[in-house]
Amino acid sequence: MRRTPDAAVTSLPRAPRDEAQGRVRQYVITMSIRMVCFLLMFFVQPIGWWTWVFGIAAAVLPYIAVVFANAGDDSVVTTVESPRIGIEAASGADQQTPPAHDVITLSETAPTVHGAESRP
């Protein structure tokens, strides 16, 4: 049986439930803006060029809302990254390449005692 690689949490796609909630929220907001445009088209007086803008927006926004609600995160390609591969690559790279100039390396040395002679 073939085992899939372990996945890092940060490389996983959004949960389907969260994606659906986001699409529903976006649809409701767009349709609310449509309703406001529809009401403004009738209640804003005197009738002018903005009446046509509100009418066109009220007619076009349902199409835009449906298209955006149906377009999920499927268009975004996500690859699952294994944290083990990253750790193995980092450990192998440290042994083969010298440290860069902008890397600060700290090392500890054994403390030395000054002024004391060693006694047998």
Protein backbone atom coordinates (compact mmCIF):
# COMPACT_ATOMS: atom_id res chain seq x y z
CA MET A 1 0.00 0.00 0.00
CA ARG A 2 1.40 3.36 -1.02
CA ARG A 3 1.45 6.03 1.67
CA THR A 4 0.96 9.69 0.90
CA PRO A 5 3.58 12.10 2.26
CA ASP A 6 2.89 14.00 5.45
CA ALA A 7 1.47 17.43 4.78
CA ALA A 8 2.54 20.68 6.38
CA VAL A 9 -0.43 22.58 7.78
CA THR A 10 0.50 25.81 6.03
CA SER A 11 0.51 24.20 2.57
CA LEU A 12 -2.97 22.66 2.76
CA PRO A 13 -5.82 24.26 0.80
CA ARG A 14 -8.79 25.86 2.56
CA ALA A 15 -11.36 23.52 4.02
CA PRO A 16 -14.40 23.04 1.75
CA ARG A 17 -16.73 24.29 4.49
CA ASP A 18 -14.72 27.52 4.91
CA GLU A 19 -14.56 28.01 1.15
CA ALA A 20 -18.34 27.58 0.80
CA GLN A 21 -19.01 30.01 3.64
CA GLY A 22 -16.77 32.60 2.01
CA ARG A 23 -18.54 32.22 -1.34
CA VAL A 24 -21.98 32.54 0.29
CA ARG A 25 -20.85 35.64 2.17
CA GLN A 26 -19.53 37.22 -1.04
CA TYR A 27 -22.79 36.41 -2.85
CA VAL A 28 -24.93 37.96 -0.08
CA ILE A 29 -22.82 41.13 -0.05
CA THR A 30 -23.04 41.50 -3.83
CA MET A 31 -26.80 40.94 -3.86
CA SER A 32 -27.22 43.43 -1.00
CA ILE A 33 -25.41 46.05 -3.06
CA ARG A 34 -27.77 45.17 -5.94
CA MET A 35 -30.82 45.75 -3.75
CA VAL A 36 -29.46 49.12 -2.63
CA CYS A 37 -28.87 50.10 -6.27
CA PHE A 38 -32.38 48.96 -7.18
CA LEU A 39 -33.94 51.05 -4.40
CA LEU A 40 -31.79 54.10 -5.18
CA MET A 41 -32.87 53.89 -8.81
CA PHE A 42 -36.48 54.60 -7.78
CA PHE A 43 -36.06 56.85 -4.75
CA VAL A 44 -33.30 59.26 -5.79
CA GLN A 45 -34.90 62.34 -7.32
CA PRO A 46 -34.53 64.18 -9.70
CA ILE A 47 -33.87 61.51 -12.32
CA GLY A 48 -30.45 61.95 -13.87
CA TRP A 49 -27.45 60.02 -15.17
CA TRP A 50 -26.96 58.30 -11.78
CA THR A 51 -30.39 56.70 -12.18
CA TRP A 52 -29.05 54.88 -15.23
CA VAL A 53 -25.90 53.87 -13.32
CA PHE A 54 -28.00 52.40 -10.50
CA GLY A 55 -30.25 50.60 -13.04
CA ILE A 56 -27.31 49.09 -14.94
CA ALA A 57 -25.67 48.00 -11.67
CA ALA A 58 -28.93 46.40 -10.50
CA ALA A 59 -29.16 44.50 -13.80
CA VAL A 60 -25.51 43.36 -14.01
CA LEU A 61 -24.74 42.53 -10.36
CA PRO A 62 -26.73 39.24 -10.24
CA TYR A 63 -24.59 37.83 -13.06
CA ILE A 64 -21.39 38.96 -11.34
CA ALA A 65 -22.55 37.54 -8.00
CA VAL A 66 -23.32 34.10 -9.48
CA VAL A 67 -20.07 33.90 -11.44
CA PHE A 68 -17.96 34.81 -8.41
CA ALA A 69 -19.95 32.51 -6.11
CA ASN A 70 -19.44 29.54 -8.44
CA ALA A 71 -15.73 30.21 -8.94
CA GLY A 72 -14.16 28.51 -5.96
CA ASP A 73 -10.53 28.01 -4.97
CA ASP A 74 -10.17 25.30 -7.61
CA SER A 75 -8.38 27.77 -9.86
CA VAL A 76 -5.61 28.22 -7.26
CA VAL A 77 -3.10 25.39 -7.49
CA THR A 78 -1.86 24.28 -4.10
CA THR A 79 0.84 21.71 -3.61
CA VAL A 80 1.24 19.76 -0.44
CA GLU A 81 4.69 20.16 1.06
CA SER A 82 6.14 17.54 3.34
CA PRO A 83 7.96 18.94 6.39
CA ARG A 84 10.24 15.88 6.42
CA ILE A 85 11.56 16.65 2.96
CA GLY A 86 12.36 20.22 4.04
CA ILE A 87 14.20 19.02 7.15
CA GLU A 88 16.20 16.44 5.21
CA ALA A 89 17.11 18.99 2.55
CA ALA A 90 18.21 21.53 5.16
CA SER A 91 20.39 19.03 7.04
CA GLY A 92 22.08 17.88 3.83
CA ALA A 93 22.62 21.44 2.63
CA ASP A 94 24.37 22.51 5.86
CA GLN A 95 27.09 19.91 5.44
CA GLN A 96 27.86 20.67 1.80
CA THR A 97 27.74 24.45 1.53
CA PRO A 98 29.75 26.95 3.55
CA PRO A 99 27.77 29.52 5.54
CA ALA A 100 26.95 32.78 3.80
CA HIS A 101 28.54 36.07 4.81
CA ASP A 102 25.40 37.43 6.39
CA VAL A 103 24.95 34.45 8.74
CA ILE A 104 25.95 34.92 12.37
CA THR A 105 27.37 31.78 13.96
CA LEU A 106 27.65 31.45 17.73
CA SER A 107 29.86 28.88 19.42
CA GLU A 108 30.69 28.15 23.03
CA THR A 109 34.12 27.38 24.42
CA ALA A 110 35.09 25.86 27.72
CA PRO A 111 35.75 28.48 30.40
CA THR A 112 39.38 29.12 31.25
CA VAL A 113 40.60 29.77 34.75
CA HIS A 114 43.19 32.53 34.99
CA GLY A 115 45.75 32.66 37.74
CA ALA A 116 45.18 29.18 39.09
CA GLU A 117 47.84 26.52 38.76
CA SER A 118 46.89 22.96 38.18
CA ARG A 119 47.57 20.72 41.19
CA PRO A 120 48.27 17.01 40.86
